[in-house]
Amino acid sequence: MHDEHVRTLFHRIGDGPPLGIDPRDVISRGRRLRARRRRLAVVASTAAIAGVTMLVGVVAGGEGQRPTPENLVPAGPTTTTSVPATPAEPSSEPPPSVVNPDGHPPPVAT
């Protein structure tokens, strides 16, 4: 081949593919890939949680136990009593249920 032939051939090819790596392109592709993987992880986690929840519901019986008419107790009136509060006078004696470990009542403060 002559030089003219080679030049013509290379002229037809044009610039060709890029010969270097563009850092901006690499960063943008990495971000897109990371975002895609993150979305996939969220979708997979959500599907797994939903699946486990449904499985537990099916295994546990779904609806649970319904009360039968024999087990039902009708509601009745409630009774409340009100006792008027009387102010108690302070006592210097301890209550009779309070005793020391040796069986004697504690000393009274004077």
Protein backbone atom coordinates (compact mmCIF):
# COMPACT_ATOMS: atom_id res chain seq x y z
CA MET A 1 0.00 0.00 0.00
CA HIS A 2 1.08 3.46 -0.76
CA ASP A 3 0.98 6.32 1.69
CA GLU A 4 -1.91 7.91 -0.15
CA HIS A 5 -3.96 4.76 0.24
CA VAL A 6 -3.30 4.62 3.96
CA ARG A 7 -4.18 8.28 4.40
CA THR A 8 -7.40 7.87 2.49
CA LEU A 9 -8.31 4.82 4.55
CA PHE A 10 -7.69 6.62 7.85
CA HIS A 11 -9.57 9.67 6.59
CA ARG A 12 -12.66 7.52 5.91
CA ILE A 13 -12.55 6.00 9.39
CA GLY A 14 -12.82 9.39 11.06
CA ASP A 15 -11.90 10.02 14.69
CA GLY A 16 -12.77 6.52 15.87
CA PRO A 17 -13.44 5.54 19.44
CA PRO A 18 -12.12 7.70 22.26
CA LEU A 19 -8.68 6.66 23.31
CA GLY A 20 -8.84 7.93 26.91
CA ILE A 21 -11.06 7.52 29.95
CA ASP A 22 -13.16 10.51 30.96
CA PRO A 23 -13.39 10.69 34.79
CA ARG A 24 -16.74 12.49 34.65
CA ASP A 25 -18.20 9.69 32.57
CA VAL A 26 -16.84 7.04 34.93
CA ILE A 27 -18.29 8.87 37.98
CA SER A 28 -21.72 9.32 36.39
CA ARG A 29 -21.89 5.67 35.35
CA GLY A 30 -20.87 4.61 38.86
CA ARG A 31 -23.59 6.78 40.42
CA ARG A 32 -26.23 5.37 38.09
CA LEU A 33 -25.13 1.82 38.86
CA ARG A 34 -25.13 2.47 42.62
CA ALA A 35 -28.62 4.03 42.45
CA ARG A 36 -29.91 1.08 40.41
CA ARG A 37 -28.50 -1.41 42.92
CA ARG A 38 -29.94 0.56 45.85
CA ARG A 39 -33.40 0.56 44.25
CA LEU A 40 -33.12 -3.16 43.63
CA ALA A 41 -32.15 -3.77 47.28
CA VAL A 42 -35.12 -1.74 48.55
CA VAL A 43 -37.56 -3.58 46.27
CA ALA A 44 -36.12 -6.98 47.22
CA SER A 45 -36.24 -6.17 50.95
CA THR A 46 -39.83 -4.97 50.71
CA ALA A 47 -40.86 -8.09 48.82
CA ALA A 48 -39.11 -10.33 51.36
CA ILE A 49 -40.79 -8.62 54.32
CA ALA A 50 -44.20 -8.84 52.63
CA GLY A 51 -43.63 -12.51 51.86
CA VAL A 52 -42.61 -13.37 55.40
CA THR A 53 -45.56 -11.43 56.81
CA MET A 54 -48.02 -13.29 54.58
CA LEU A 55 -46.38 -16.62 55.40
CA VAL A 56 -46.66 -15.97 59.14
CA GLY A 57 -50.31 -15.00 58.69
CA VAL A 58 -51.09 -18.18 56.78
CA VAL A 59 -49.21 -20.42 59.22
CA ALA A 60 -50.79 -18.75 62.26
CA GLY A 61 -54.28 -19.45 60.96
CA GLY A 62 -55.16 -16.20 59.27
CA GLU A 63 -58.39 -15.23 61.01
CA GLY A 64 -57.64 -16.41 64.54
CA GLN A 65 -60.25 -17.79 66.92
CA ARG A 66 -63.74 -16.43 66.85
CA PRO A 67 -65.72 -16.42 70.09
CA THR A 68 -68.60 -18.87 70.21
CA PRO A 69 -71.96 -17.91 71.74
CA GLU A 70 -71.29 -20.25 74.66
CA ASN A 71 -68.13 -18.34 75.61
CA LEU A 72 -69.70 -14.88 75.43
CA VAL A 73 -70.58 -13.20 78.72
CA PRO A 74 -73.08 -10.34 78.58
CA ALA A 75 -71.97 -7.05 79.97
CA GLY A 76 -73.52 -6.17 83.29
CA PRO A 77 -73.77 -3.01 85.33
CA THR A 78 -70.69 -1.97 87.21
CA THR A 79 -70.83 -1.14 90.89
CA THR A 80 -68.78 1.58 92.46
CA THR A 81 -68.77 2.77 96.03
CA SER A 82 -67.57 6.11 97.16
CA VAL A 83 -66.17 6.50 100.65
CA PRO A 84 -65.75 10.03 101.91
CA ALA A 85 -62.16 10.80 102.69
CA THR A 86 -61.60 11.79 106.29
CA PRO A 87 -58.39 13.57 107.13
CA ALA A 88 -56.29 11.46 109.45
CA GLU A 89 -54.54 13.05 112.37
CA PRO A 90 -50.80 12.53 112.36
CA SER A 91 -49.74 9.88 114.80
CA SER A 92 -46.44 9.63 116.59
CA GLU A 93 -46.82 5.86 116.85
CA PRO A 94 -45.72 3.72 113.94
CA PRO A 95 -48.33 1.45 112.43
CA PRO A 96 -48.54 -1.86 114.29
CA SER A 97 -47.33 -3.85 111.30
CA VAL A 98 -43.94 -2.10 111.29
CA VAL A 99 -41.37 -3.96 113.38
CA ASN A 100 -37.60 -4.26 113.43
CA PRO A 101 -35.93 -7.55 112.50
CA ASP A 102 -35.58 -8.36 116.21
CA GLY A 103 -39.39 -8.14 116.64
CA HIS A 104 -39.51 -4.78 118.49
CA PRO A 105 -41.15 -1.65 117.07
CA PRO A 106 -38.77 1.04 115.83
CA PRO A 107 -37.97 3.94 118.16
CA VAL A 108 -40.32 6.92 118.02
CA ALA A 109 -38.81 10.27 117.12
CA THR A 110 -39.55 12.97 119.73
